[in-house]
Amino acid sequence: MSARSGRLYELVGAGMAGWSRAVHRGVAVGIERLRLEPGVVLASTHPSDADPPVVAGALYRDGRLWRHPERVRPAFAVRNDLLLPGFLAGYPPWMPAWARRALYPVGIGPILTGHLLCLPVRFSDRLRLVEALRACPDAELAAVLPPVRAAALAARARDRGLPLPGRARDVLRGEYADLLWAVVDREQLADPAFTAMWAQHAARSMGDLRALGEHLRGGGTLVIFPPGFPAPAGGIPPLDPRAGRLLHAMRPRALQPLAVVYDPLAGRRERAFLGIGEAIAPPPRRDAARYVLTALRRAAPLTGGLVVADLALHGDG
């Protein structure tokens, strides 16, 4: 991958650097350990939607990419649904109905993949509901969807004064966008109408993995936010085992852990710290998720907020 990745990449990098510093007063801890080198995967924790700009901004600003155009620009592994038309309407939970209708036809995929070095990644056994319904527009909703999903779509139609939807094509519009972006798995969409769709999805998942490996072998660097399980008590939650297998299968030259920590006790505004750990050997085949999780936890900076939280949970008052 060429170090020169286009003017838009540089503008977005500079914008994220300014945003993370202005909004979160972002600080990178251990920047001297940063390895933006061919074949290296930088794996980051992901506790907030603010993490990508915090990480990208720190890499661009504190990694001095703006001063060194010859350095390798990292690519970013992103959820494949970010590349689908309608993502801007479907994902944010707070968006009003009129905005969902306006943004549903909009797709940012060509910009992300063509100018910002974003590479899609997906798991073969789950996807967004919109992907399944777009692949099978003639499917009868009541027959192929779990009752709770079909009921939610019908309730939305009644709330918006729309005709009761019967087939998949009837709900492929902005009024349903947030419901369409729900995650569903093979067990929930087991109807034979989706058999071909699941096969195509699995093939695309393998294609994504090959593309990530080819990027690394071609001299690229990759930033990835491996998914984990929810952690209601905070901290860095366990990783999804599939994320560990993915990182192993990419066969990077080295793995560098990144950990984002937000400290609400750092003044009037929450402060973001990006911990950069020492690069380590690629994940082994066995217990890859545990191996990566240990590295992420070791990379996490210790902030005042974390100390107070630990005392509140485990101290004697």
Protein backbone atom coordinates (compact mmCIF):
# COMPACT_ATOMS: atom_id res chain seq x y z
CA MET A 1 0.00 0.00 0.00
CA SER A 2 1.43 3.32 -1.00
CA ALA A 3 2.26 5.77 1.75
CA ARG A 4 0.51 8.47 -0.27
CA SER A 5 -3.15 7.73 0.13
CA GLY A 6 -4.76 10.84 -1.28
CA ARG A 7 -5.64 14.34 -0.22
CA LEU A 8 -8.95 13.36 1.38
CA TYR A 9 -7.18 10.86 3.65
CA GLU A 10 -4.84 13.62 4.84
CA LEU A 11 -7.70 16.07 5.38
CA VAL A 12 -9.74 13.56 7.36
CA GLY A 13 -6.69 12.62 9.42
CA ALA A 14 -6.03 16.25 10.27
CA GLY A 15 -9.71 16.80 11.04
CA MET A 16 -9.86 13.82 13.41
CA ALA A 17 -6.66 14.97 15.10
CA GLY A 18 -8.19 18.38 15.72
CA TRP A 19 -11.54 16.91 16.80
CA SER A 20 -10.05 14.49 19.33
CA ARG A 21 -7.87 17.21 20.83
CA ALA A 22 -10.67 19.79 20.98
CA VAL A 23 -13.50 17.55 22.19
CA HIS A 24 -11.71 14.96 24.32
CA ARG A 25 -8.31 16.58 24.86
CA GLY A 26 -6.87 13.35 23.50
CA VAL A 27 -3.48 12.21 24.75
CA ALA A 28 -1.38 9.36 23.38
CA VAL A 29 0.61 7.45 26.01
CA GLY A 30 3.62 5.48 24.75
CA ILE A 31 3.79 7.08 21.30
CA GLU A 32 7.47 6.11 21.13
CA ARG A 33 6.32 2.49 20.83
CA LEU A 34 4.13 3.12 17.78
CA ARG A 35 4.97 0.87 14.83
CA LEU A 36 3.34 1.99 11.61
CA GLU A 37 5.26 -0.59 9.63
CA PRO A 38 4.41 -3.02 6.82
CA GLY A 39 2.53 -6.07 8.02
CA VAL A 40 1.68 -4.74 11.50
CA VAL A 41 -1.87 -4.91 12.88
CA LEU A 42 -2.86 -2.36 15.52
CA ALA A 43 -5.76 -3.80 17.54
CA SER A 44 -7.72 -1.32 19.66
CA THR A 45 -10.32 -1.51 22.39
CA HIS A 46 -13.68 -0.05 21.44
CA PRO A 47 -15.67 1.24 24.44
CA SER A 48 -17.29 4.17 22.60
CA ASP A 49 -18.36 5.41 19.18
CA ALA A 50 -15.79 8.15 19.69
CA ASP A 51 -12.93 5.64 19.55
CA PRO A 52 -12.21 5.68 15.78
CA PRO A 53 -11.62 9.44 15.61
CA VAL A 54 -9.67 9.35 18.88
CA VAL A 55 -7.41 6.58 17.58
CA ALA A 56 -7.10 7.92 14.03
CA GLY A 57 -6.50 11.44 15.30
CA ALA A 58 -3.78 10.32 17.69
CA LEU A 59 -2.03 8.23 15.04
CA TYR A 60 -2.09 11.09 12.56
CA ARG A 61 -1.14 13.82 15.04
CA ASP A 62 1.19 12.13 17.52
CA GLY A 63 2.56 9.70 14.95
CA ARG A 64 3.64 12.75 12.95
CA LEU A 65 2.08 11.48 9.75
CA TRP A 66 1.38 15.07 8.77
CA ARG A 67 5.14 15.73 8.75
CA HIS A 68 6.18 12.51 7.05
CA PRO A 69 4.30 11.89 3.79
CA GLU A 70 6.61 8.96 3.07
CA ARG A 71 5.37 6.91 6.04
CA VAL A 72 2.87 4.11 5.58
CA ARG A 73 -0.69 5.30 6.13
CA PRO A 74 -2.71 2.75 8.12
CA ALA A 75 -5.85 1.27 6.67
CA PHE A 76 -8.86 0.66 8.91
CA ALA A 77 -10.89 -2.54 9.12
CA VAL A 78 -14.55 -1.49 9.43
CA ARG A 79 -17.87 -3.26 9.84
CA ASN A 80 -19.18 -3.95 6.37
CA ASP A 81 -22.52 -2.28 7.11
CA LEU A 82 -20.75 1.11 7.23
CA LEU A 83 -20.32 0.68 3.49
CA LEU A 84 -24.00 -0.02 2.79
CA PRO A 85 -26.38 2.64 1.49
CA GLY A 86 -28.49 3.82 4.41
CA PHE A 87 -25.92 3.36 7.18
CA LEU A 88 -26.15 7.00 8.22
CA ALA A 89 -29.92 6.59 8.60
CA GLY A 90 -29.88 3.19 10.26
CA TYR A 91 -27.20 3.20 12.90
CA PRO A 92 -27.61 6.26 15.19
CA PRO A 93 -30.39 5.52 17.71
CA TRP A 94 -31.24 9.18 18.37
CA MET A 95 -31.99 10.27 14.79
CA PRO A 96 -35.44 11.80 14.05
CA ALA A 97 -37.69 10.19 11.45
CA TRP A 98 -37.32 12.97 8.86
CA ALA A 99 -33.54 12.61 8.93
CA ARG A 100 -33.74 8.84 8.49
CA ARG A 101 -35.91 9.31 5.41
CA ALA A 102 -33.50 11.85 3.95
CA LEU A 103 -30.33 9.86 4.63
CA TYR A 104 -31.55 6.37 3.73
CA PRO A 105 -30.55 6.64 0.03
CA VAL A 106 -27.10 7.99 0.93
CA GLY A 107 -24.10 5.68 0.88
CA ILE A 108 -20.59 6.57 2.07
CA GLY A 109 -19.03 3.25 1.04
CA PRO A 110 -17.24 4.55 -2.09
CA ILE A 111 -15.63 7.33 -0.06
CA LEU A 112 -14.52 5.02 2.75
CA THR A 113 -13.05 2.35 0.47
CA GLY A 114 -11.85 4.58 -2.34
CA HIS A 115 -10.25 7.42 -0.40
CA LEU A 116 -9.90 6.56 3.31
CA LEU A 117 -8.36 3.07 3.12
CA CYS A 118 -11.26 1.31 4.83
CA LEU A 119 -11.51 -2.45 4.36
CA PRO A 120 -14.73 -4.30 5.21
CA VAL A 121 -14.89 -7.18 7.66
CA ARG A 122 -17.89 -9.36 8.51
CA PHE A 123 -18.61 -12.60 10.34
CA SER A 124 -20.19 -15.35 8.27
CA ASP A 125 -22.92 -16.21 10.80
CA ARG A 126 -24.46 -12.79 11.41
CA LEU A 127 -25.39 -9.66 9.51
CA ARG A 128 -27.69 -6.66 9.55
CA LEU A 129 -31.33 -7.36 8.80
CA VAL A 130 -31.23 -4.91 5.89
CA GLU A 131 -28.67 -7.11 4.10
CA ALA A 132 -30.95 -10.14 4.24
CA LEU A 133 -34.07 -8.25 3.12
CA ARG A 134 -32.27 -6.52 0.26
CA ALA A 135 -31.03 -9.91 -0.92
CA CYS A 136 -34.57 -11.38 -0.77
CA PRO A 137 -36.96 -8.52 -1.60
CA ASP A 138 -39.87 -10.86 -2.41
CA ALA A 139 -39.75 -12.72 0.91
CA GLU A 140 -42.94 -12.60 2.98
CA LEU A 141 -42.03 -10.95 6.28
CA ALA A 142 -44.48 -12.91 8.43
CA ALA A 143 -43.18 -16.21 7.05
CA VAL A 144 -39.42 -15.67 7.16
CA LEU A 145 -38.78 -13.35 10.11
CA PRO A 146 -38.89 -14.10 13.82
CA PRO A 147 -42.24 -12.88 15.22
CA VAL A 148 -40.59 -10.14 17.27
CA ARG A 149 -38.92 -8.66 14.15
CA ALA A 150 -42.07 -8.83 12.03
CA ALA A 151 -44.11 -7.29 14.86
CA ALA A 152 -41.66 -4.39 15.25
CA LEU A 153 -41.87 -3.59 11.53
CA ALA A 154 -45.67 -3.74 11.61
CA ALA A 155 -45.79 -1.48 14.68
CA ARG A 156 -43.57 1.05 12.96
CA ALA A 157 -45.89 1.08 9.94
CA ARG A 158 -48.87 1.80 12.18
CA ASP A 159 -46.99 4.55 14.04
CA ARG A 160 -46.03 6.26 10.77
CA GLY A 161 -49.39 5.77 9.08
CA LEU A 162 -47.89 3.51 6.40
CA PRO A 163 -49.48 0.49 4.71
CA LEU A 164 -48.90 -2.70 6.67
CA PRO A 165 -45.79 -4.28 5.08
CA GLY A 166 -46.13 -7.72 3.58
CA ARG A 167 -42.87 -8.35 1.71
CA ALA A 168 -39.29 -7.40 2.34
CA ARG A 169 -39.29 -4.66 -0.31
CA ASP A 170 -42.08 -2.86 1.57
CA VAL A 171 -39.77 -1.98 4.49
CA LEU A 172 -36.66 -1.03 2.53
CA ARG A 173 -37.13 2.67 3.23
CA GLY A 174 -35.96 5.27 5.70
CA GLU A 175 -38.88 4.98 8.12
CA TYR A 176 -37.64 1.50 9.10
CA ALA A 177 -33.90 2.21 8.94
CA ASP A 178 -33.09 1.76 12.64
CA LEU A 179 -35.02 -1.53 12.73
CA LEU A 180 -33.26 -2.72 9.57
CA TRP A 181 -29.86 -2.21 11.18
CA ALA A 182 -30.55 -4.80 13.89
CA VAL A 183 -28.07 -7.69 14.00
CA VAL A 184 -29.52 -11.09 13.15
CA ASP A 185 -27.92 -14.52 12.93
CA ARG A 186 -28.47 -17.80 11.10
CA GLU A 187 -30.74 -19.16 13.80
CA GLN A 188 -33.07 -16.16 13.51
CA LEU A 189 -33.08 -16.27 9.69
CA ALA A 190 -33.23 -20.02 9.14
CA ASP A 191 -35.99 -19.98 6.52
CA PRO A 192 -34.98 -21.62 3.21
CA ALA A 193 -35.62 -18.29 1.48
CA PHE A 194 -32.33 -17.11 2.98
CA THR A 195 -30.19 -20.17 2.12
CA ALA A 196 -28.57 -18.64 -0.95
CA MET A 197 -28.12 -15.33 0.85
CA TRP A 198 -26.21 -16.98 3.72
CA ALA A 199 -23.96 -18.81 1.25
CA GLN A 200 -23.12 -15.54 -0.50
CA HIS A 201 -22.52 -13.86 2.84
CA ALA A 202 -20.10 -16.59 3.91
CA ALA A 203 -18.21 -16.26 0.61
CA ARG A 204 -17.94 -12.50 1.08
CA SER A 205 -16.69 -13.02 4.63
CA MET A 206 -13.87 -15.20 3.30
CA GLY A 207 -13.18 -12.59 0.63
CA ASP A 208 -12.87 -9.90 3.30
CA LEU A 209 -10.35 -12.02 5.21
CA ARG A 210 -8.29 -12.58 2.07
CA ALA A 211 -8.31 -8.85 1.34
CA LEU A 212 -7.05 -8.04 4.84
CA GLY A 213 -4.24 -10.56 4.49
CA GLU A 214 -3.32 -9.27 1.04
CA HIS A 215 -3.19 -5.72 2.38
CA LEU A 216 -0.71 -6.76 5.08
CA ARG A 217 1.40 -8.88 2.74
CA GLY A 218 1.46 -6.01 0.26
CA GLY A 219 3.21 -3.77 2.77
CA GLY A 220 0.21 -2.20 4.47
CA THR A 221 -0.57 -1.49 8.10
CA LEU A 222 -4.03 -2.16 9.53
CA VAL A 223 -6.03 -0.76 12.46
CA ILE A 224 -8.83 -3.00 13.71
CA PHE A 225 -11.34 -2.77 16.56
CA PRO A 226 -11.96 -6.45 17.41
CA PRO A 227 -15.47 -6.95 18.83
CA GLY A 228 -15.94 -8.09 22.39
CA PHE A 229 -18.74 -9.07 24.70
CA PRO A 230 -20.65 -6.48 26.77
CA ALA A 231 -19.11 -5.55 30.12
CA PRO A 232 -21.77 -3.83 32.27
CA ALA A 233 -19.25 -3.20 35.05
CA GLY A 234 -16.84 -1.42 32.69
CA GLY A 235 -13.25 -2.29 31.93
CA ILE A 236 -12.04 -4.12 28.84
CA PRO A 237 -14.50 -6.96 28.13
CA PRO A 238 -13.57 -10.42 26.83
CA LEU A 239 -13.19 -10.64 23.07
CA ASP A 240 -15.48 -12.57 20.83
CA PRO A 241 -13.52 -15.77 20.05
CA ARG A 242 -14.14 -15.16 16.34
CA ALA A 243 -12.21 -11.90 16.64
CA GLY A 244 -9.20 -13.81 17.96
CA ARG A 245 -9.41 -16.31 15.11
CA LEU A 246 -9.65 -13.45 12.61
CA LEU A 247 -6.51 -11.80 13.95
CA HIS A 248 -4.67 -15.12 13.82
CA ALA A 249 -5.84 -15.86 10.28
CA MET A 250 -4.60 -12.50 8.95
CA ARG A 251 -1.05 -13.61 9.87
CA PRO A 252 0.40 -10.18 10.64
CA ARG A 253 4.11 -9.69 11.21
CA ALA A 254 3.35 -8.21 14.63
CA LEU A 255 0.39 -7.14 16.75
CA GLN A 256 0.38 -3.79 18.53
CA PRO A 257 -2.29 -3.34 21.23
CA LEU A 258 -4.05 0.02 21.63
CA ALA A 259 -6.34 0.83 24.54
CA VAL A 260 -8.69 3.82 24.71
CA VAL A 261 -9.64 5.03 28.19
CA TYR A 262 -11.99 7.94 28.96
CA ASP A 263 -11.52 9.78 32.24
CA PRO A 264 -14.51 11.88 33.38
CA LEU A 265 -12.58 13.16 36.40
CA ALA A 266 -9.96 15.06 34.38
CA GLY A 267 -11.56 18.49 34.63
CA ARG A 268 -14.65 20.03 33.10
CA ARG A 269 -14.49 17.78 30.05
CA GLU A 270 -13.99 14.05 29.74
CA ARG A 271 -10.46 13.25 28.60
CA ALA A 272 -9.42 10.47 26.24
CA PHE A 273 -6.17 8.58 26.70
CA LEU A 274 -4.82 6.24 24.03
CA GLY A 275 -2.39 3.70 25.46
CA ILE A 276 0.05 2.23 22.94
CA GLY A 277 1.49 -1.07 24.10
CA GLU A 278 4.60 -2.85 22.97
CA ALA A 279 4.25 -4.72 19.70
CA ILE A 280 4.08 -8.46 20.27
CA ALA A 281 4.13 -11.65 18.22
CA PRO A 282 1.04 -12.51 16.19
CA PRO A 283 -1.77 -14.29 18.06
CA PRO A 284 -1.38 -18.07 18.34
CA ARG A 285 -4.00 -20.39 16.94
CA ARG A 286 -5.14 -21.55 20.34
CA ASP A 287 -6.57 -19.01 22.80
CA ALA A 288 -6.02 -16.15 20.36
CA ALA A 289 -8.77 -14.06 21.94
CA ARG A 290 -7.29 -14.45 25.42
CA TYR A 291 -3.82 -13.59 24.09
CA VAL A 292 -5.09 -10.36 22.48
CA LEU A 293 -7.23 -9.45 25.49
CA THR A 294 -4.25 -9.71 27.83
CA ALA A 295 -2.23 -7.40 25.59
CA LEU A 296 -5.08 -4.85 25.40
CA ARG A 297 -5.46 -4.78 29.18
CA ARG A 298 -1.74 -4.27 29.66
CA ALA A 299 -1.81 -1.35 27.22
CA ALA A 300 -4.61 0.49 29.05
CA PRO A 301 -3.41 3.67 30.80
CA LEU A 302 -4.22 3.99 34.50
CA THR A 303 -6.18 7.20 35.01
CA GLY A 304 -7.56 8.97 38.04
CA GLY A 305 -11.09 7.99 37.03
CA LEU A 306 -10.16 4.31 36.93
CA VAL A 307 -8.57 4.50 40.40
CA VAL A 308 -11.66 6.16 41.89
CA ALA A 309 -13.97 3.68 40.14
CA ASP A 310 -12.00 0.74 41.52
CA LEU A 311 -12.10 2.19 45.03
CA ALA A 312 -15.83 2.77 44.74
CA LEU A 313 -16.43 -0.82 43.62
CA HIS A 314 -13.97 -2.67 45.82
CA GLY A 315 -12.74 -0.28 48.50
CA ASP A 316 -13.98 0.10 52.06
CA GLY A 317 -15.27 3.64 51.57
